[in-house]
Amino acid sequence: MNRKLYVGNLPRSANKQSLLEVFSKCGSVELIDVITDRATGENKGFAFIEMASPGEAQKAIQTLNGTMLDNREIKVNEARPPAPRNSHNNRSGGYVRR
């Protein structure tokens, strides 16, 4: 079990402080990363939270997944590693246009 959690379906009102209040009931929270829109600064409806131990992360999943936060049913799961990115960073399917 990983210590990092994915939290989805967050209400627009969710922020680091509100998530800290909720998740600290399950253990020590080490990191909260609320994903925001670059243009507006509003949260995009999901966040990553890192708990102090795998046991606390598991407790947060069991306790908080499916609970209501500001009238939204949040989803709490173990975070998956990021997908590998194309090292060429282009949109041509890996081929370089000339």
N, C-alpha and C. Protein backbone atom coordinates (compact mmCIF):
# COMPACT_ATOMS: atom_id res chain seq x y z
N MET A 1 0.85 -1.19 0.00
CA MET A 1 0.00 0.00 0.00
C MET A 1 0.88 1.24 0.00
N ASN A 2 0.54 2.15 -0.85
CA ASN A 2 1.24 3.41 -0.98
C ASN A 2 0.71 4.41 0.05
N ARG A 3 1.47 5.46 0.32
CA ARG A 3 1.01 6.51 1.24
C ARG A 3 0.28 7.63 0.50
N LYS A 4 0.41 7.65 -0.83
CA LYS A 4 -0.17 8.74 -1.62
C LYS A 4 -1.57 8.36 -2.10
N LEU A 5 -2.51 9.30 -1.94
CA LEU A 5 -3.90 9.07 -2.28
C LEU A 5 -4.36 10.02 -3.38
N TYR A 6 -5.28 9.53 -4.19
CA TYR A 6 -5.98 10.36 -5.17
C TYR A 6 -7.35 10.65 -4.58
N VAL A 7 -7.74 11.91 -4.57
CA VAL A 7 -9.05 12.30 -4.07
C VAL A 7 -9.78 13.00 -5.21
N GLY A 8 -10.89 12.42 -5.65
CA GLY A 8 -11.63 12.96 -6.78
C GLY A 8 -13.03 13.40 -6.43
N ASN A 9 -13.66 14.06 -7.39
CA ASN A 9 -15.01 14.59 -7.28
C ASN A 9 -15.12 15.64 -6.17
N LEU A 10 -14.07 16.44 -6.03
CA LEU A 10 -14.08 17.48 -5.01
C LEU A 10 -14.98 18.65 -5.42
N PRO A 11 -15.64 19.26 -4.44
CA PRO A 11 -16.41 20.47 -4.75
C PRO A 11 -15.44 21.62 -5.02
N ARG A 12 -15.91 22.62 -5.74
CA ARG A 12 -15.07 23.80 -6.06
C ARG A 12 -14.61 24.52 -4.80
N SER A 13 -15.34 24.37 -3.71
CA SER A 13 -15.00 25.04 -2.46
C SER A 13 -13.84 24.38 -1.72
N ALA A 14 -13.44 23.18 -2.12
CA ALA A 14 -12.38 22.45 -1.41
C ALA A 14 -11.04 23.16 -1.58
N ASN A 15 -10.29 23.20 -0.48
CA ASN A 15 -8.94 23.77 -0.50
C ASN A 15 -8.06 22.97 0.45
N LYS A 16 -6.80 23.36 0.58
CA LYS A 16 -5.88 22.61 1.43
C LYS A 16 -6.38 22.52 2.87
N GLN A 17 -6.88 23.63 3.39
CA GLN A 17 -7.33 23.65 4.79
C GLN A 17 -8.52 22.71 5.01
N SER A 18 -9.50 22.76 4.12
CA SER A 18 -10.68 21.90 4.31
C SER A 18 -10.31 20.42 4.18
N LEU A 19 -9.39 20.10 3.27
CA LEU A 19 -8.96 18.71 3.12
C LEU A 19 -8.12 18.26 4.31
N LEU A 20 -7.30 19.16 4.85
CA LEU A 20 -6.51 18.82 6.04
C LEU A 20 -7.43 18.48 7.20
N GLU A 21 -8.50 19.25 7.39
CA GLU A 21 -9.44 18.99 8.47
C GLU A 21 -10.08 17.61 8.34
N VAL A 22 -10.43 17.22 7.12
CA VAL A 22 -11.09 15.94 6.89
C VAL A 22 -10.10 14.78 7.03
N PHE A 23 -8.95 14.86 6.38
CA PHE A 23 -8.03 13.74 6.33
C PHE A 23 -7.21 13.57 7.60
N SER A 24 -7.04 14.62 8.38
CA SER A 24 -6.28 14.48 9.62
C SER A 24 -7.01 13.62 10.64
N LYS A 25 -8.29 13.38 10.44
CA LYS A 25 -9.04 12.47 11.32
C LYS A 25 -8.58 11.02 11.14
N CYS A 26 -7.90 10.74 10.03
CA CYS A 26 -7.43 9.38 9.74
C CYS A 26 -5.94 9.20 10.01
N GLY A 27 -5.25 10.27 10.39
CA GLY A 27 -3.83 10.18 10.66
C GLY A 27 -3.11 11.47 10.28
N SER A 28 -1.79 11.38 10.26
CA SER A 28 -0.96 12.55 9.95
C SER A 28 -0.89 12.78 8.44
N VAL A 29 -1.23 13.98 8.04
CA VAL A 29 -1.18 14.36 6.63
C VAL A 29 0.16 15.05 6.39
N GLU A 30 0.93 14.54 5.42
CA GLU A 30 2.24 15.12 5.14
C GLU A 30 2.20 16.11 3.98
N LEU A 31 1.31 15.89 3.01
CA LEU A 31 1.29 16.75 1.83
C LEU A 31 -0.11 16.79 1.25
N ILE A 32 -0.54 17.97 0.83
CA ILE A 32 -1.81 18.14 0.12
C ILE A 32 -1.52 18.94 -1.13
N ASP A 33 -1.87 18.37 -2.27
CA ASP A 33 -1.65 19.05 -3.56
C ASP A 33 -2.99 19.12 -4.28
N VAL A 34 -3.67 20.27 -4.14
CA VAL A 34 -4.94 20.49 -4.83
C VAL A 34 -4.60 20.96 -6.24
N ILE A 35 -5.09 20.24 -7.25
CA ILE A 35 -4.78 20.56 -8.64
C ILE A 35 -5.70 21.70 -9.09
N THR A 36 -5.08 22.77 -9.58
CA THR A 36 -5.84 23.96 -9.97
C THR A 36 -5.67 24.28 -11.45
N ASP A 37 -6.64 25.00 -11.97
CA ASP A 37 -6.60 25.47 -13.34
C ASP A 37 -5.62 26.65 -13.42
N ARG A 38 -4.71 26.62 -14.38
CA ARG A 38 -3.71 27.68 -14.48
C ARG A 38 -4.34 29.04 -14.77
N ALA A 39 -5.38 29.07 -15.58
CA ALA A 39 -5.98 30.33 -15.99
C ALA A 39 -6.84 30.95 -14.89
N THR A 40 -7.64 30.14 -14.20
CA THR A 40 -8.60 30.68 -13.24
C THR A 40 -8.16 30.54 -11.78
N GLY A 41 -7.28 29.59 -11.50
CA GLY A 41 -6.86 29.34 -10.13
C GLY A 41 -7.83 28.47 -9.35
N GLU A 42 -8.97 28.10 -9.96
CA GLU A 42 -9.94 27.24 -9.29
C GLU A 42 -9.45 25.80 -9.30
N ASN A 43 -9.86 25.05 -8.28
CA ASN A 43 -9.46 23.64 -8.26
C ASN A 43 -10.18 22.90 -9.38
N LYS A 44 -9.52 21.86 -9.89
CA LYS A 44 -10.07 21.09 -11.00
C LYS A 44 -10.93 19.91 -10.53
N GLY A 45 -11.15 19.82 -9.24
CA GLY A 45 -12.02 18.76 -8.72
C GLY A 45 -11.28 17.53 -8.24
N PHE A 46 -9.94 17.63 -8.16
CA PHE A 46 -9.20 16.50 -7.59
C PHE A 46 -7.94 16.98 -6.91
N ALA A 47 -7.38 16.10 -6.07
CA ALA A 47 -6.18 16.44 -5.30
C ALA A 47 -5.41 15.16 -5.02
N PHE A 48 -4.16 15.34 -4.62
CA PHE A 48 -3.33 14.24 -4.15
C PHE A 48 -2.95 14.54 -2.71
N ILE A 49 -3.09 13.54 -1.87
CA ILE A 49 -2.79 13.69 -0.45
C ILE A 49 -1.84 12.57 -0.05
N GLU A 50 -0.80 12.95 0.68
CA GLU A 50 0.16 11.96 1.15
C GLU A 50 0.04 11.85 2.66
N MET A 51 -0.24 10.64 3.11
CA MET A 51 -0.37 10.36 4.54
C MET A 51 1.00 9.92 5.08
N ALA A 52 1.15 9.91 6.40
CA ALA A 52 2.44 9.59 7.03
C ALA A 52 2.81 8.11 6.89
N SER A 53 1.82 7.23 6.79
CA SER A 53 2.12 5.80 6.69
C SER A 53 1.11 5.11 5.78
N PRO A 54 1.49 3.95 5.26
CA PRO A 54 0.53 3.20 4.43
C PRO A 54 -0.73 2.82 5.20
N GLY A 55 -0.61 2.53 6.49
CA GLY A 55 -1.77 2.19 7.30
C GLY A 55 -2.75 3.34 7.42
N GLU A 56 -2.22 4.55 7.57
CA GLU A 56 -3.09 5.72 7.65
C GLU A 56 -3.75 5.99 6.30
N ALA A 57 -3.04 5.74 5.22
CA ALA A 57 -3.62 5.90 3.88
C ALA A 57 -4.77 4.92 3.69
N GLN A 58 -4.56 3.67 4.11
CA GLN A 58 -5.62 2.67 3.99
C GLN A 58 -6.83 3.04 4.84
N LYS A 59 -6.58 3.56 6.02
CA LYS A 59 -7.68 3.99 6.90
C LYS A 59 -8.46 5.13 6.23
N ALA A 60 -7.76 6.07 5.59
CA ALA A 60 -8.43 7.18 4.91
C ALA A 60 -9.31 6.68 3.78
N ILE A 61 -8.82 5.70 3.02
CA ILE A 61 -9.62 5.13 1.93
C ILE A 61 -10.88 4.49 2.49
N GLN A 62 -10.72 3.65 3.50
CA GLN A 62 -11.86 2.94 4.08
C GLN A 62 -12.86 3.88 4.75
N THR A 63 -12.35 4.93 5.37
CA THR A 63 -13.21 5.84 6.12
C THR A 63 -13.88 6.90 5.25
N LEU A 64 -13.14 7.43 4.27
CA LEU A 64 -13.61 8.62 3.56
C LEU A 64 -14.15 8.39 2.15
N ASN A 65 -13.80 7.28 1.51
CA ASN A 65 -14.30 7.03 0.17
C ASN A 65 -15.82 6.93 0.19
N GLY A 66 -16.47 7.75 -0.63
CA GLY A 66 -17.92 7.74 -0.70
C GLY A 66 -18.60 8.67 0.28
N THR A 67 -17.84 9.39 1.09
CA THR A 67 -18.45 10.33 2.03
C THR A 67 -18.74 11.67 1.34
N MET A 68 -19.56 12.47 1.98
CA MET A 68 -19.97 13.75 1.41
C MET A 68 -19.07 14.88 1.91
N LEU A 69 -18.67 15.76 0.98
CA LEU A 69 -17.93 16.97 1.31
C LEU A 69 -18.60 18.10 0.54
N ASP A 70 -19.23 19.00 1.25
CA ASP A 70 -19.99 20.11 0.62
C ASP A 70 -20.94 19.60 -0.47
N ASN A 71 -21.74 18.61 -0.12
CA ASN A 71 -22.76 18.03 -1.00
C ASN A 71 -22.21 17.31 -2.22
N ARG A 72 -20.95 16.87 -2.17
CA ARG A 72 -20.36 16.05 -3.25
C ARG A 72 -19.82 14.77 -2.64
N GLU A 73 -20.08 13.65 -3.29
CA GLU A 73 -19.57 12.37 -2.83
C GLU A 73 -18.14 12.20 -3.34
N ILE A 74 -17.17 12.28 -2.43
CA ILE A 74 -15.77 12.22 -2.85
C ILE A 74 -15.31 10.79 -3.06
N LYS A 75 -14.33 10.64 -3.92
CA LYS A 75 -13.71 9.35 -4.19
C LYS A 75 -12.29 9.38 -3.64
N VAL A 76 -11.92 8.38 -2.86
CA VAL A 76 -10.58 8.31 -2.29
C VAL A 76 -10.00 6.95 -2.67
N ASN A 77 -8.89 6.98 -3.41
CA ASN A 77 -8.22 5.75 -3.86
C ASN A 77 -6.71 5.90 -3.70
N GLU A 78 -6.03 4.78 -3.80
CA GLU A 78 -4.58 4.83 -3.84
C GLU A 78 -4.16 5.48 -5.16
N ALA A 79 -3.22 6.42 -5.10
CA ALA A 79 -2.76 7.10 -6.31
C ALA A 79 -1.93 6.13 -7.15
N ARG A 80 -2.14 6.19 -8.46
CA ARG A 80 -1.35 5.38 -9.38
C ARG A 80 -0.14 6.19 -9.85
N PRO A 81 0.93 5.52 -10.21
CA PRO A 81 2.08 6.27 -10.74
C PRO A 81 1.70 6.95 -12.05
N PRO A 82 2.32 8.10 -12.34
CA PRO A 82 1.99 8.80 -13.58
C PRO A 82 2.36 7.97 -14.81
N ALA A 83 1.58 8.14 -15.86
CA ALA A 83 1.84 7.43 -17.12
C ALA A 83 3.11 7.99 -17.75
N PRO A 84 3.87 7.15 -18.43
CA PRO A 84 5.08 7.65 -19.09
C PRO A 84 4.71 8.68 -20.16
N ARG A 85 5.54 9.70 -20.27
CA ARG A 85 5.29 10.76 -21.24
C ARG A 85 6.17 10.57 -22.46
N ASN A 86 5.71 11.08 -23.58
CA ASN A 86 6.47 11.05 -24.82
C ASN A 86 7.65 12.00 -24.67
N SER A 87 8.87 11.49 -24.81
CA SER A 87 10.06 12.31 -24.60
C SER A 87 10.25 13.35 -25.69
N HIS A 88 9.58 13.18 -26.82
CA HIS A 88 9.72 14.15 -27.91
C HIS A 88 8.83 15.36 -27.70
N ASN A 89 7.83 15.21 -26.86
CA ASN A 89 6.91 16.30 -26.53
C ASN A 89 6.31 16.97 -27.78
N ASN A 90 5.87 16.15 -28.72
CA ASN A 90 5.19 16.70 -29.89
C ASN A 90 3.89 15.94 -30.10
N ARG A 91 3.11 16.38 -31.04
CA ARG A 91 1.79 15.78 -31.25
C ARG A 91 1.73 14.97 -32.53
N SER A 92 2.86 14.66 -33.10
CA SER A 92 2.87 13.97 -34.39
C SER A 92 3.03 12.48 -34.25
N GLY A 93 2.73 11.93 -33.08
CA GLY A 93 2.80 10.49 -32.89
C GLY A 93 4.23 9.97 -32.81
N GLY A 94 5.14 10.80 -32.41
CA GLY A 94 6.54 10.36 -32.26
C GLY A 94 7.40 10.73 -33.46
N TYR A 95 6.81 11.16 -34.54
CA TYR A 95 7.58 11.56 -35.71
C TYR A 95 7.85 13.07 -35.65
N VAL A 96 9.04 13.44 -36.04
CA VAL A 96 9.41 14.85 -36.05
C VAL A 96 9.12 15.41 -37.43
N ARG A 97 8.36 16.49 -37.46
CA ARG A 97 8.04 17.13 -38.73
C ARG A 97 9.24 17.98 -39.18
N ARG A 98 9.47 17.96 -40.50
CA ARG A 98 10.57 18.79 -41.04
C ARG A 98 10.05 19.74 -42.07
